[in-house]
């Protein structure tokens, strides 16, 4: 949802981005600039620009595109497909910069998608599934990792949005989780508390701004 309460949805079987006004009336429908297998994630910034992520139809390379609030193409970036990755994801910070994730790598990009830095979140089979930012433009990363055992554990980390330095990270040992059905998400409230949800021994989790479960 953008700042005018218009809603934006994406398609999978017939990839498209659709914008509705706050009363549910369709405003426009757009295809991505390059053919994709499906749109896997979407984010909107304060200007109404839209970041969509998916995989390219011809190569399965990872693809991110920014459209303006009217659905016009602005910028895109591609990263090579290397083995199996979870669906690509991305988000904006409050200054319009972009963070994208693929596998265990997070990359910061300028508003016109030039690379600033990239970091590896862990080196133990990390799969990043969700990104968000807090009010200070720090980056929140959520996913699953096999640190500490053969089963999958829930991972949440907070990183300095300027330079990518780690602020805190929390790993919750949930026992074995079936990766085939695993899904997760992360949101941040106005007080910078973090909420995460997924398939773990915890049905949901609320982390305060210091990363402690409450």
N, C-alpha and C. Protein backbone atom coordinates (compact mmCIF):
# COMPACT_ATOMS: atom_id res chain seq x y z
N UNK A 1 0.84 -1.19 0.00
CA UNK A 1 0.00 0.00 0.00
C UNK A 1 0.88 1.24 0.00
N UNK A 2 0.52 2.24 -0.85
CA UNK A 2 1.33 3.44 -0.90
C UNK A 2 0.76 4.51 0.04
N UNK A 3 1.36 5.71 0.00
CA UNK A 3 0.99 6.75 0.96
C UNK A 3 -0.39 7.32 0.71
N UNK A 4 -0.99 7.08 -0.45
CA UNK A 4 -2.34 7.55 -0.74
C UNK A 4 -3.37 6.47 -0.49
N UNK A 5 -2.95 5.37 0.16
CA UNK A 5 -3.82 4.23 0.48
C UNK A 5 -4.25 3.44 -0.75
N UNK A 6 -3.60 3.68 -1.89
CA UNK A 6 -3.81 2.81 -3.04
C UNK A 6 -3.10 1.49 -2.79
N UNK A 7 -3.64 0.41 -3.33
CA UNK A 7 -3.07 -0.92 -3.13
C UNK A 7 -2.43 -1.40 -4.42
N UNK A 8 -1.36 -2.17 -4.26
CA UNK A 8 -0.63 -2.71 -5.41
C UNK A 8 -0.49 -4.21 -5.20
N UNK A 9 -0.89 -5.01 -6.18
CA UNK A 9 -0.77 -6.45 -6.08
C UNK A 9 0.01 -6.96 -7.28
N UNK A 10 0.48 -8.20 -7.17
CA UNK A 10 1.26 -8.79 -8.24
C UNK A 10 0.68 -10.14 -8.60
N UNK A 11 1.00 -10.61 -9.83
CA UNK A 11 0.54 -11.90 -10.29
C UNK A 11 1.68 -12.89 -10.41
N UNK A 12 1.33 -14.18 -10.38
CA UNK A 12 2.33 -15.24 -10.47
C UNK A 12 2.17 -16.02 -11.77
N UNK A 13 1.00 -16.58 -12.02
CA UNK A 13 0.81 -17.38 -13.23
C UNK A 13 0.88 -16.52 -14.48
N UNK A 14 0.31 -15.32 -14.42
CA UNK A 14 0.41 -14.36 -15.51
C UNK A 14 1.04 -13.11 -14.92
N UNK A 15 2.38 -13.03 -14.89
CA UNK A 15 3.04 -11.99 -14.11
C UNK A 15 2.61 -10.59 -14.53
N UNK A 16 2.18 -9.80 -13.55
CA UNK A 16 1.77 -8.43 -13.79
C UNK A 16 1.73 -7.71 -12.46
N UNK A 17 1.78 -6.40 -12.54
CA UNK A 17 1.61 -5.54 -11.37
C UNK A 17 0.33 -4.75 -11.58
N UNK A 18 -0.56 -4.75 -10.60
CA UNK A 18 -1.85 -4.07 -10.70
C UNK A 18 -1.98 -3.10 -9.54
N UNK A 19 -2.38 -1.88 -9.84
CA UNK A 19 -2.60 -0.87 -8.80
C UNK A 19 -4.09 -0.57 -8.71
N UNK A 20 -4.61 -0.59 -7.46
CA UNK A 20 -5.99 -0.25 -7.16
C UNK A 20 -6.02 1.01 -6.31
N UNK A 21 -7.07 1.80 -6.44
CA UNK A 21 -7.20 2.92 -5.52
C UNK A 21 -7.75 2.42 -4.18
N UNK A 22 -7.91 3.31 -3.21
CA UNK A 22 -8.29 2.89 -1.86
C UNK A 22 -9.71 2.33 -1.79
N UNK A 23 -10.50 2.54 -2.84
CA UNK A 23 -11.85 1.98 -2.89
C UNK A 23 -11.93 0.70 -3.70
N UNK A 24 -10.76 0.21 -4.14
CA UNK A 24 -10.73 -1.07 -4.84
C UNK A 24 -10.90 -0.99 -6.34
N UNK A 25 -10.86 0.21 -6.90
CA UNK A 25 -11.00 0.35 -8.35
C UNK A 25 -9.63 0.27 -9.01
N UNK A 26 -9.50 -0.55 -10.07
CA UNK A 26 -8.20 -0.67 -10.73
C UNK A 26 -7.79 0.62 -11.43
N UNK A 27 -6.53 1.00 -11.20
CA UNK A 27 -5.97 2.20 -11.83
C UNK A 27 -5.15 1.86 -13.06
N UNK A 28 -4.33 0.82 -12.95
CA UNK A 28 -3.54 0.38 -14.09
C UNK A 28 -3.01 -1.03 -13.87
N UNK A 29 -2.59 -1.65 -14.96
CA UNK A 29 -1.92 -2.96 -14.95
C UNK A 29 -0.68 -2.86 -15.82
N UNK A 30 0.44 -3.37 -15.32
CA UNK A 30 1.69 -3.29 -16.07
C UNK A 30 2.41 -4.64 -16.03
N UNK A 31 3.03 -4.98 -17.15
CA UNK A 31 3.99 -6.07 -17.17
C UNK A 31 5.36 -5.51 -16.78
N UNK A 32 6.23 -6.39 -16.33
CA UNK A 32 7.61 -5.97 -16.07
C UNK A 32 8.31 -5.68 -17.40
N UNK A 33 9.37 -4.91 -17.35
CA UNK A 33 10.06 -4.51 -18.57
C UNK A 33 10.69 -5.70 -19.29
N UNK A 34 11.15 -6.68 -18.51
CA UNK A 34 11.66 -7.92 -19.09
C UNK A 34 10.79 -9.08 -18.61
N UNK A 35 10.55 -10.09 -19.46
CA UNK A 35 9.67 -11.20 -19.06
C UNK A 35 10.21 -11.94 -17.84
N UNK A 36 9.33 -12.21 -16.89
CA UNK A 36 9.70 -12.93 -15.68
C UNK A 36 8.78 -14.13 -15.49
N UNK A 37 9.26 -15.11 -14.72
CA UNK A 37 8.46 -16.29 -14.43
C UNK A 37 7.33 -15.97 -13.45
N UNK A 38 7.54 -14.99 -12.64
CA UNK A 38 6.54 -14.55 -11.67
C UNK A 38 7.12 -13.43 -10.84
N UNK A 39 6.27 -12.62 -10.25
CA UNK A 39 6.72 -11.56 -9.35
C UNK A 39 6.66 -12.11 -7.94
N UNK A 40 7.81 -12.17 -7.28
CA UNK A 40 7.90 -12.84 -5.98
C UNK A 40 7.77 -11.89 -4.80
N UNK A 41 8.10 -10.62 -4.96
CA UNK A 41 7.95 -9.67 -3.85
C UNK A 41 7.76 -8.28 -4.42
N UNK A 42 7.25 -7.41 -3.55
CA UNK A 42 6.94 -6.05 -3.96
C UNK A 42 7.15 -5.12 -2.77
N UNK A 43 7.59 -3.90 -3.03
CA UNK A 43 7.75 -2.88 -2.00
C UNK A 43 7.44 -1.53 -2.62
N UNK A 44 7.03 -0.58 -1.79
CA UNK A 44 6.68 0.76 -2.26
C UNK A 44 7.40 1.78 -1.38
N UNK A 45 7.96 2.83 -1.99
CA UNK A 45 8.62 3.87 -1.20
C UNK A 45 7.70 5.07 -0.99
N UNK A 46 8.20 6.09 -0.33
CA UNK A 46 7.38 7.24 0.04
C UNK A 46 6.94 8.06 -1.17
N UNK A 47 7.63 7.91 -2.30
CA UNK A 47 7.24 8.61 -3.53
C UNK A 47 6.21 7.83 -4.34
N UNK A 48 5.90 6.61 -3.88
CA UNK A 48 5.00 5.75 -4.64
C UNK A 48 5.69 4.88 -5.67
N UNK A 49 7.04 4.97 -5.75
CA UNK A 49 7.76 4.07 -6.66
C UNK A 49 7.64 2.64 -6.16
N UNK A 50 7.67 1.69 -7.08
CA UNK A 50 7.39 0.29 -6.78
C UNK A 50 8.59 -0.56 -7.15
N UNK A 51 9.05 -1.37 -6.21
CA UNK A 51 10.13 -2.32 -6.45
C UNK A 51 9.53 -3.71 -6.55
N UNK A 52 9.74 -4.37 -7.69
CA UNK A 52 9.28 -5.75 -7.86
C UNK A 52 10.48 -6.65 -8.07
N UNK A 53 10.36 -7.88 -7.63
CA UNK A 53 11.45 -8.85 -7.75
C UNK A 53 10.91 -10.15 -8.30
N UNK A 54 11.71 -10.80 -9.14
CA UNK A 54 11.32 -12.08 -9.70
C UNK A 54 12.51 -12.74 -10.36
N UNK A 55 12.25 -13.77 -11.17
CA UNK A 55 13.29 -14.45 -11.93
C UNK A 55 12.99 -14.33 -13.41
N UNK A 56 14.04 -14.09 -14.21
CA UNK A 56 13.86 -13.87 -15.63
C UNK A 56 13.42 -15.15 -16.33
N UNK A 57 12.54 -14.99 -17.29
CA UNK A 57 11.92 -16.12 -17.97
C UNK A 57 12.93 -16.92 -18.77
N UNK A 58 13.92 -16.26 -19.36
CA UNK A 58 14.83 -16.95 -20.27
C UNK A 58 15.98 -17.66 -19.55
N UNK A 59 16.35 -17.18 -18.35
CA UNK A 59 17.56 -17.68 -17.72
C UNK A 59 17.42 -18.05 -16.25
N UNK A 60 16.30 -17.68 -15.61
CA UNK A 60 16.09 -17.83 -14.18
C UNK A 60 17.05 -16.95 -13.37
N UNK A 61 17.75 -16.01 -14.04
CA UNK A 61 18.52 -15.04 -13.28
C UNK A 61 17.57 -14.19 -12.43
N UNK A 62 18.11 -13.64 -11.34
CA UNK A 62 17.30 -12.86 -10.41
C UNK A 62 17.17 -11.43 -10.93
N UNK A 63 15.96 -10.88 -10.81
CA UNK A 63 15.63 -9.63 -11.50
C UNK A 63 14.86 -8.71 -10.56
N UNK A 64 15.30 -7.46 -10.48
CA UNK A 64 14.59 -6.43 -9.72
C UNK A 64 14.32 -5.25 -10.65
N UNK A 65 13.14 -4.67 -10.51
CA UNK A 65 12.75 -3.53 -11.34
C UNK A 65 12.03 -2.49 -10.50
N UNK A 66 12.30 -1.22 -10.80
CA UNK A 66 11.57 -0.13 -10.18
C UNK A 66 10.67 0.52 -11.21
N UNK A 67 9.39 0.69 -10.85
CA UNK A 67 8.41 1.44 -11.63
C UNK A 67 8.05 2.71 -10.86
N UNK A 68 7.63 3.75 -11.56
CA UNK A 68 7.13 4.91 -10.85
C UNK A 68 5.68 4.67 -10.41
N UNK A 69 5.08 5.63 -9.75
CA UNK A 69 3.75 5.45 -9.18
C UNK A 69 2.67 5.21 -10.24
N UNK A 70 2.99 5.54 -11.49
CA UNK A 70 2.06 5.31 -12.59
C UNK A 70 2.36 4.04 -13.38
N UNK A 71 3.35 3.27 -12.89
CA UNK A 71 3.66 2.00 -13.54
C UNK A 71 4.66 2.10 -14.67
N UNK A 72 5.29 3.26 -14.84
CA UNK A 72 6.29 3.42 -15.89
C UNK A 72 7.63 2.88 -15.43
N UNK A 73 8.30 2.19 -16.35
CA UNK A 73 9.61 1.61 -16.04
C UNK A 73 10.64 2.70 -15.74
N UNK A 74 11.41 2.49 -14.67
CA UNK A 74 12.50 3.40 -14.33
C UNK A 74 13.86 2.73 -14.43
N UNK A 75 14.08 1.68 -13.63
CA UNK A 75 15.39 1.04 -13.56
C UNK A 75 15.20 -0.46 -13.34
N UNK A 76 16.26 -1.21 -13.68
CA UNK A 76 16.25 -2.64 -13.37
C UNK A 76 17.68 -3.11 -13.15
N UNK A 77 17.79 -4.25 -12.49
CA UNK A 77 19.09 -4.85 -12.23
C UNK A 77 18.92 -6.36 -12.22
N UNK A 78 19.95 -7.06 -12.67
CA UNK A 78 19.93 -8.52 -12.72
C UNK A 78 21.14 -9.06 -11.98
N UNK A 79 20.94 -10.14 -11.26
CA UNK A 79 22.03 -10.85 -10.63
C UNK A 79 21.98 -12.31 -11.07
N UNK A 80 23.14 -12.94 -11.30
CA UNK A 80 23.14 -14.29 -11.87
C UNK A 80 22.51 -15.32 -10.95
N UNK A 81 21.84 -16.25 -11.59
CA UNK A 81 21.29 -17.40 -10.88
C UNK A 81 22.42 -18.40 -10.66
N UNK A 82 22.62 -18.80 -9.41
CA UNK A 82 23.70 -19.73 -9.08
C UNK A 82 23.16 -20.80 -8.14
N UNK A 83 22.70 -21.90 -8.73
CA UNK A 83 22.10 -22.93 -7.91
C UNK A 83 20.73 -22.51 -7.45
N UNK A 84 20.26 -23.12 -6.37
CA UNK A 84 18.92 -22.81 -5.88
C UNK A 84 18.97 -21.66 -4.88
N UNK A 85 18.16 -20.65 -5.12
CA UNK A 85 17.97 -19.55 -4.18
C UNK A 85 16.50 -19.52 -3.79
N UNK A 86 16.19 -19.05 -2.58
CA UNK A 86 14.79 -18.70 -2.31
C UNK A 86 14.39 -17.53 -3.20
N UNK A 87 13.10 -17.27 -3.27
CA UNK A 87 12.60 -16.20 -4.14
C UNK A 87 13.29 -14.89 -3.80
N UNK A 88 13.71 -14.12 -4.80
CA UNK A 88 14.37 -12.84 -4.51
C UNK A 88 13.42 -11.88 -3.82
N UNK A 89 13.97 -11.03 -2.99
CA UNK A 89 13.16 -10.06 -2.27
C UNK A 89 13.90 -8.73 -2.22
N UNK A 90 13.22 -7.70 -1.82
CA UNK A 90 13.85 -6.38 -1.74
C UNK A 90 12.97 -5.40 -0.98
N UNK A 91 13.56 -4.29 -0.59
CA UNK A 91 12.82 -3.24 0.10
C UNK A 91 13.51 -1.90 -0.11
N UNK A 92 12.79 -0.84 0.15
CA UNK A 92 13.33 0.52 0.13
C UNK A 92 13.66 0.97 1.56
N UNK A 93 14.64 1.88 1.71
CA UNK A 93 14.74 2.60 2.97
C UNK A 93 14.01 3.93 2.82
N UNK A 94 14.05 4.74 3.87
CA UNK A 94 13.27 5.99 3.88
C UNK A 94 13.86 7.06 2.99
N UNK A 95 15.09 6.85 2.50
CA UNK A 95 15.73 7.80 1.59
C UNK A 95 15.63 7.34 0.13
N UNK A 96 14.95 6.22 -0.11
CA UNK A 96 14.80 5.73 -1.47
C UNK A 96 15.86 4.76 -1.92
N UNK A 97 16.88 4.50 -1.07
CA UNK A 97 17.85 3.46 -1.39
C UNK A 97 17.16 2.09 -1.37
N UNK A 98 17.80 1.12 -2.00
CA UNK A 98 17.20 -0.20 -2.17
C UNK A 98 18.10 -1.26 -1.55
N UNK A 99 17.49 -2.21 -0.86
CA UNK A 99 18.19 -3.40 -0.39
C UNK A 99 17.59 -4.61 -1.10
N UNK A 100 18.45 -5.49 -1.61
CA UNK A 100 17.98 -6.72 -2.23
C UNK A 100 18.67 -7.90 -1.58
N UNK A 101 18.03 -9.06 -1.63
CA UNK A 101 18.60 -10.26 -1.02
C UNK A 101 18.51 -11.42 -1.99
N UNK A 102 19.58 -12.22 -1.98
CA UNK A 102 19.62 -13.46 -2.76
C UNK A 102 20.47 -14.45 -1.98
N UNK A 103 19.89 -15.58 -1.64
CA UNK A 103 20.61 -16.56 -0.84
C UNK A 103 20.98 -15.98 0.50
N UNK A 104 22.30 -15.91 0.79
CA UNK A 104 22.77 -15.34 2.05
C UNK A 104 23.37 -13.95 1.86
N UNK A 105 23.19 -13.36 0.69
CA UNK A 105 23.80 -12.06 0.37
C UNK A 105 22.76 -10.95 0.38
N UNK A 106 23.11 -9.85 1.03
CA UNK A 106 22.31 -8.62 0.98
C UNK A 106 23.14 -7.56 0.28
N UNK A 107 22.51 -6.83 -0.61
CA UNK A 107 23.20 -5.77 -1.34
C UNK A 107 22.42 -4.48 -1.18
N UNK A 108 23.16 -3.39 -0.94
CA UNK A 108 22.56 -2.06 -0.91
C UNK A 108 22.79 -1.38 -2.25
N UNK A 109 21.74 -0.74 -2.77
CA UNK A 109 21.79 -0.07 -4.05
C UNK A 109 21.29 1.37 -3.89
N UNK A 110 21.77 2.24 -4.75
CA UNK A 110 21.26 3.60 -4.80
C UNK A 110 19.83 3.59 -5.35
N UNK A 111 19.11 4.73 -5.27
CA UNK A 111 17.75 4.76 -5.83
C UNK A 111 17.68 4.41 -7.30
N UNK A 112 18.77 4.60 -8.06
CA UNK A 112 18.78 4.20 -9.47
C UNK A 112 19.53 2.89 -9.68
N UNK A 113 19.66 2.10 -8.61
CA UNK A 113 20.12 0.71 -8.64
C UNK A 113 21.60 0.54 -9.00
N UNK A 114 22.44 1.42 -8.51
CA UNK A 114 23.88 1.21 -8.56
C UNK A 114 24.34 0.65 -7.22
N UNK A 115 25.24 -0.32 -7.28
CA UNK A 115 25.66 -1.02 -6.07
C UNK A 115 26.46 -0.12 -5.14
N UNK A 116 26.17 -0.21 -3.84
CA UNK A 116 26.91 0.52 -2.80
C UNK A 116 27.78 -0.44 -2.01
N UNK A 117 27.21 -1.51 -1.51
CA UNK A 117 27.96 -2.55 -0.81
C UNK A 117 27.15 -3.83 -0.79
N UNK A 118 27.82 -4.94 -0.48
CA UNK A 118 27.09 -6.18 -0.23
C UNK A 118 27.76 -6.92 0.91
N UNK A 119 26.98 -7.68 1.63
CA UNK A 119 27.47 -8.44 2.77
C UNK A 119 26.91 -9.86 2.70
N UNK A 120 27.63 -10.78 3.31
CA UNK A 120 27.11 -12.13 3.52
C UNK A 120 26.61 -12.22 4.94
N UNK A 121 25.36 -12.55 5.10
CA UNK A 121 24.74 -12.53 6.42
C UNK A 121 25.33 -13.60 7.32
N UNK A 122 25.42 -14.82 6.86
CA UNK A 122 26.12 -15.88 7.59
C UNK A 122 26.84 -16.72 6.55
N UNK A 123 27.68 -17.63 7.00
CA UNK A 123 28.35 -18.52 6.05
C UNK A 123 27.90 -19.97 6.26
N UNK A 124 26.70 -20.14 6.83
CA UNK A 124 26.22 -21.49 7.16
C UNK A 124 24.85 -21.74 6.55
N UNK A 125 24.78 -21.79 5.23
CA UNK A 125 23.56 -22.18 4.54
C UNK A 125 22.39 -21.27 4.90
N UNK A 126 22.60 -19.98 4.81
CA UNK A 126 21.57 -19.00 5.13
C UNK A 126 20.64 -18.80 3.95
N UNK A 127 19.36 -18.68 4.21
CA UNK A 127 18.37 -18.37 3.19
C UNK A 127 17.58 -17.16 3.68
N UNK A 128 17.81 -16.00 3.05
CA UNK A 128 17.10 -14.78 3.43
C UNK A 128 15.74 -14.77 2.77
N UNK A 129 14.71 -14.56 3.58
CA UNK A 129 13.34 -14.62 3.09
C UNK A 129 12.60 -13.30 3.21
N UNK A 130 13.08 -12.37 4.03
CA UNK A 130 12.36 -11.12 4.22
C UNK A 130 13.32 -10.02 4.64
N UNK A 131 13.08 -8.80 4.13
CA UNK A 131 13.85 -7.61 4.48
C UNK A 131 12.90 -6.49 4.88
N UNK A 132 13.37 -5.63 5.79
CA UNK A 132 12.62 -4.43 6.13
C UNK A 132 13.61 -3.42 6.71
N UNK A 133 13.17 -2.21 6.96
CA UNK A 133 14.02 -1.19 7.57
C UNK A 133 13.29 -0.56 8.75
N UNK A 134 14.07 -0.01 9.70
CA UNK A 134 13.47 0.72 10.81
C UNK A 134 13.48 2.22 10.53
N UNK A 135 13.10 3.01 11.51
CA UNK A 135 12.97 4.45 11.29
C UNK A 135 14.31 5.14 11.08
N UNK A 136 15.41 4.48 11.45
CA UNK A 136 16.75 5.02 11.26
C UNK A 136 17.44 4.46 10.02
N UNK A 137 16.67 3.79 9.17
CA UNK A 137 17.19 3.18 7.94
C UNK A 137 18.15 2.02 8.20
N UNK A 138 18.10 1.46 9.41
CA UNK A 138 18.82 0.21 9.65
C UNK A 138 18.05 -0.94 9.00
N UNK A 139 18.78 -1.93 8.55
CA UNK A 139 18.19 -3.04 7.80
C UNK A 139 17.90 -4.21 8.71
N UNK A 140 16.68 -4.75 8.62
CA UNK A 140 16.29 -5.97 9.32
C UNK A 140 16.23 -7.11 8.32
N UNK A 141 16.87 -8.22 8.69
CA UNK A 141 16.97 -9.40 7.83
C UNK A 141 16.37 -10.59 8.56
N UNK A 142 15.53 -11.35 7.88
CA UNK A 142 14.93 -12.52 8.51
C UNK A 142 14.99 -13.69 7.53
N UNK A 143 15.24 -14.87 8.07
CA UNK A 143 15.30 -16.06 7.22
C UNK A 143 15.55 -17.29 8.04
N UNK A 144 16.13 -18.30 7.41
CA UNK A 144 16.43 -19.53 8.12
C UNK A 144 17.88 -19.93 7.85
N UNK A 145 18.46 -20.58 8.81
CA UNK A 145 19.85 -20.97 8.72
C UNK A 145 20.05 -22.29 9.44
N UNK A 146 21.11 -22.99 9.07
CA UNK A 146 21.40 -24.25 9.74
C UNK A 146 22.56 -24.13 10.72
N UNK A 147 22.81 -22.93 11.21
CA UNK A 147 23.80 -22.76 12.26
C UNK A 147 23.39 -23.58 13.47
N UNK A 148 24.33 -24.31 14.04
CA UNK A 148 24.08 -24.97 15.31
C UNK A 148 23.42 -26.33 15.21
N UNK A 149 23.25 -26.89 14.04
CA UNK A 149 22.64 -28.21 13.96
C UNK A 149 22.18 -28.52 12.56
N UNK A 150 21.63 -29.70 12.38
CA UNK A 150 21.20 -30.12 11.06
C UNK A 150 19.84 -29.57 10.70
N UNK A 151 19.02 -29.21 11.70
CA UNK A 151 17.72 -28.62 11.43
C UNK A 151 17.83 -27.15 11.10
N UNK A 152 16.73 -26.57 10.65
CA UNK A 152 16.71 -25.15 10.29
C UNK A 152 16.33 -24.32 11.50
N UNK A 153 17.06 -23.23 11.71
CA UNK A 153 16.79 -22.30 12.79
C UNK A 153 16.31 -20.98 12.23
N UNK A 154 15.55 -20.24 13.03
CA UNK A 154 15.06 -18.94 12.63
C UNK A 154 16.12 -17.88 12.91
N UNK A 155 16.41 -17.05 11.91
CA UNK A 155 17.44 -16.02 12.03
C UNK A 155 16.82 -14.65 11.84
N UNK A 156 17.15 -13.71 12.73
CA UNK A 156 16.80 -12.31 12.56
C UNK A 156 18.02 -11.48 12.90
N UNK A 157 18.37 -10.54 12.03
CA UNK A 157 19.53 -9.68 12.27
C UNK A 157 19.24 -8.25 11.93
N UNK A 158 19.89 -7.35 12.64
CA UNK A 158 19.77 -5.91 12.36
C UNK A 158 21.14 -5.39 11.96
N UNK A 159 21.19 -4.67 10.84
CA UNK A 159 22.44 -4.20 10.25
C UNK A 159 22.38 -2.69 10.03
N UNK A 160 23.52 -2.04 10.21
CA UNK A 160 23.63 -0.62 9.94
C UNK A 160 23.37 -0.37 8.45
N UNK A 161 22.37 0.45 8.16
CA UNK A 161 22.00 0.66 6.77
C UNK A 161 23.02 1.47 5.99
N UNK A 162 23.90 2.18 6.68
CA UNK A 162 24.91 2.99 5.99
C UNK A 162 26.08 2.15 5.50
N UNK A 163 26.57 1.24 6.37
CA UNK A 163 27.78 0.50 6.01
C UNK A 163 27.64 -1.02 6.08
N UNK A 164 26.47 -1.52 6.51
CA UNK A 164 26.26 -2.96 6.56
C UNK A 164 26.80 -3.65 7.79
N UNK A 165 27.31 -2.90 8.77
CA UNK A 165 27.84 -3.51 9.98
C UNK A 165 26.71 -4.13 10.81
N UNK A 166 27.01 -5.26 11.41
CA UNK A 166 26.04 -5.95 12.25
C UNK A 166 25.79 -5.17 13.53
N UNK A 167 24.52 -4.96 13.88
CA UNK A 167 24.14 -4.33 15.15
C UNK A 167 23.77 -5.42 16.16
N UNK A 168 22.90 -6.33 15.79
CA UNK A 168 22.60 -7.51 16.60
C UNK A 168 22.04 -8.61 15.71
N UNK A 169 22.11 -9.83 16.19
CA UNK A 169 21.46 -10.94 15.51
C UNK A 169 20.94 -11.92 16.55
N UNK A 170 19.85 -12.59 16.21
CA UNK A 170 19.26 -13.58 17.09
C UNK A 170 18.96 -14.83 16.27
N UNK A 171 19.36 -15.97 16.82
CA UNK A 171 19.11 -17.27 16.18
C UNK A 171 18.31 -18.10 17.16
N UNK A 172 17.14 -18.54 16.74
CA UNK A 172 16.27 -19.33 17.59
C UNK A 172 16.25 -20.76 17.08
N UNK A 173 16.69 -21.69 17.94
CA UNK A 173 16.74 -23.10 17.58
C UNK A 173 15.34 -23.67 17.69
N UNK A 174 14.77 -24.01 16.54
CA UNK A 174 13.38 -24.48 16.53
C UNK A 174 13.29 -25.98 16.29
N UNK A 175 14.41 -26.67 16.27
CA UNK A 175 14.36 -28.05 15.85
C UNK A 175 14.23 -28.12 14.34
N UNK A 176 13.89 -29.27 13.83
CA UNK A 176 13.82 -29.44 12.38
C UNK A 176 12.58 -28.76 11.82
N UNK A 177 12.77 -28.06 10.72
CA UNK A 177 11.65 -27.47 10.00
C UNK A 177 11.73 -27.93 8.55
N UNK A 178 10.61 -28.28 8.00
CA UNK A 178 10.55 -28.76 6.63
C UNK A 178 10.67 -27.58 5.68
N UNK A 179 11.81 -27.47 5.01
CA UNK A 179 12.04 -26.32 4.15
C UNK A 179 11.07 -26.21 3.00
N UNK A 180 10.45 -27.32 2.59
CA UNK A 180 9.56 -27.26 1.43
C UNK A 180 8.33 -26.41 1.70
N UNK A 181 7.89 -26.33 2.96
CA UNK A 181 6.70 -25.56 3.25
C UNK A 181 6.96 -24.32 4.07
N UNK A 182 8.23 -23.94 4.21
CA UNK A 182 8.60 -22.86 5.12
C UNK A 182 8.37 -21.51 4.48
N UNK A 183 7.70 -20.62 5.20
CA UNK A 183 7.56 -19.24 4.74
C UNK A 183 7.67 -18.33 5.95
N UNK A 184 8.09 -17.10 5.73
CA UNK A 184 8.31 -16.21 6.87
C UNK A 184 8.21 -14.77 6.42
N UNK A 185 7.94 -13.90 7.38
CA UNK A 185 7.89 -12.48 7.08
C UNK A 185 8.34 -11.69 8.29
N UNK A 186 8.65 -10.43 8.06
CA UNK A 186 9.16 -9.55 9.11
C UNK A 186 8.60 -8.16 8.88
N UNK A 187 8.09 -7.53 9.94
CA UNK A 187 7.65 -6.14 9.87
C UNK A 187 8.21 -5.39 11.07
N UNK A 188 8.25 -4.06 10.95
CA UNK A 188 8.76 -3.19 12.00
C UNK A 188 7.68 -2.18 12.34
N UNK A 189 7.40 -1.98 13.66
CA UNK A 189 6.39 -1.00 14.02
C UNK A 189 7.02 0.39 14.20
N UNK A 190 6.19 1.36 14.61
CA UNK A 190 6.66 2.75 14.68
C UNK A 190 7.65 2.97 15.81
N UNK A 191 7.71 2.03 16.76
CA UNK A 191 8.69 2.12 17.85
C UNK A 191 9.94 1.30 17.56
N UNK A 192 10.05 0.80 16.33
CA UNK A 192 11.17 -0.02 15.87
C UNK A 192 11.23 -1.40 16.51
N UNK A 193 10.12 -1.84 17.13
CA UNK A 193 10.03 -3.25 17.50
C UNK A 193 9.85 -4.08 16.24
N UNK A 194 10.30 -5.32 16.29
CA UNK A 194 10.33 -6.18 15.12
C UNK A 194 9.40 -7.37 15.35
N UNK A 195 8.55 -7.66 14.37
CA UNK A 195 7.67 -8.81 14.44
C UNK A 195 8.06 -9.78 13.33
N UNK A 196 8.23 -11.05 13.70
CA UNK A 196 8.58 -12.08 12.72
C UNK A 196 7.58 -13.23 12.84
N UNK A 197 7.34 -13.91 11.72
CA UNK A 197 6.42 -15.03 11.71
C UNK A 197 6.93 -16.08 10.74
N UNK A 198 6.74 -17.34 11.10
CA UNK A 198 7.17 -18.42 10.22
C UNK A 198 6.90 -19.76 10.86
N UNK A 199 7.49 -20.80 10.32
CA UNK A 199 7.28 -22.15 10.82
C UNK A 199 8.41 -22.49 11.78
N UNK A 200 8.15 -22.29 13.07
CA UNK A 200 9.12 -22.61 14.11
C UNK A 200 8.35 -23.15 15.30
N UNK A 201 9.06 -23.40 16.39
CA UNK A 201 8.38 -23.78 17.62
C UNK A 201 7.60 -22.61 18.22
N UNK A 202 7.97 -21.37 17.81
CA UNK A 202 7.20 -20.20 18.21
C UNK A 202 6.19 -19.91 17.10
N UNK A 203 4.92 -19.72 17.47
CA UNK A 203 3.93 -19.41 16.44
C UNK A 203 4.21 -18.04 15.83
N UNK A 204 4.51 -17.06 16.68
CA UNK A 204 4.93 -15.75 16.20
C UNK A 204 5.99 -15.23 17.16
N UNK A 205 6.70 -14.22 16.76
CA UNK A 205 7.70 -13.64 17.64
C UNK A 205 7.66 -12.13 17.58
N UNK A 206 7.82 -11.50 18.73
CA UNK A 206 7.91 -10.05 18.81
C UNK A 206 9.26 -9.73 19.42
N UNK A 207 10.14 -9.10 18.65
CA UNK A 207 11.45 -8.71 19.14
C UNK A 207 11.44 -7.20 19.40
N UNK A 208 11.97 -6.79 20.56
CA UNK A 208 12.10 -5.36 20.77
C UNK A 208 13.24 -4.82 19.91
N UNK A 209 13.50 -3.52 19.98
CA UNK A 209 14.48 -2.90 19.09
C UNK A 209 15.90 -3.39 19.35
N UNK A 210 16.13 -4.00 20.52
CA UNK A 210 17.43 -4.58 20.83
C UNK A 210 17.53 -6.04 20.44
N UNK A 211 16.44 -6.60 19.89
CA UNK A 211 16.46 -7.96 19.40
C UNK A 211 16.11 -9.03 20.39
N UNK A 212 15.49 -8.66 21.52
CA UNK A 212 15.12 -9.64 22.53
C UNK A 212 13.66 -10.02 22.40
N UNK A 213 13.40 -11.32 22.52
CA UNK A 213 12.06 -11.85 22.37
C UNK A 213 11.19 -11.40 23.52
N UNK A 214 9.98 -10.91 23.20
CA UNK A 214 9.05 -10.50 24.25
C UNK A 214 7.67 -11.08 23.98
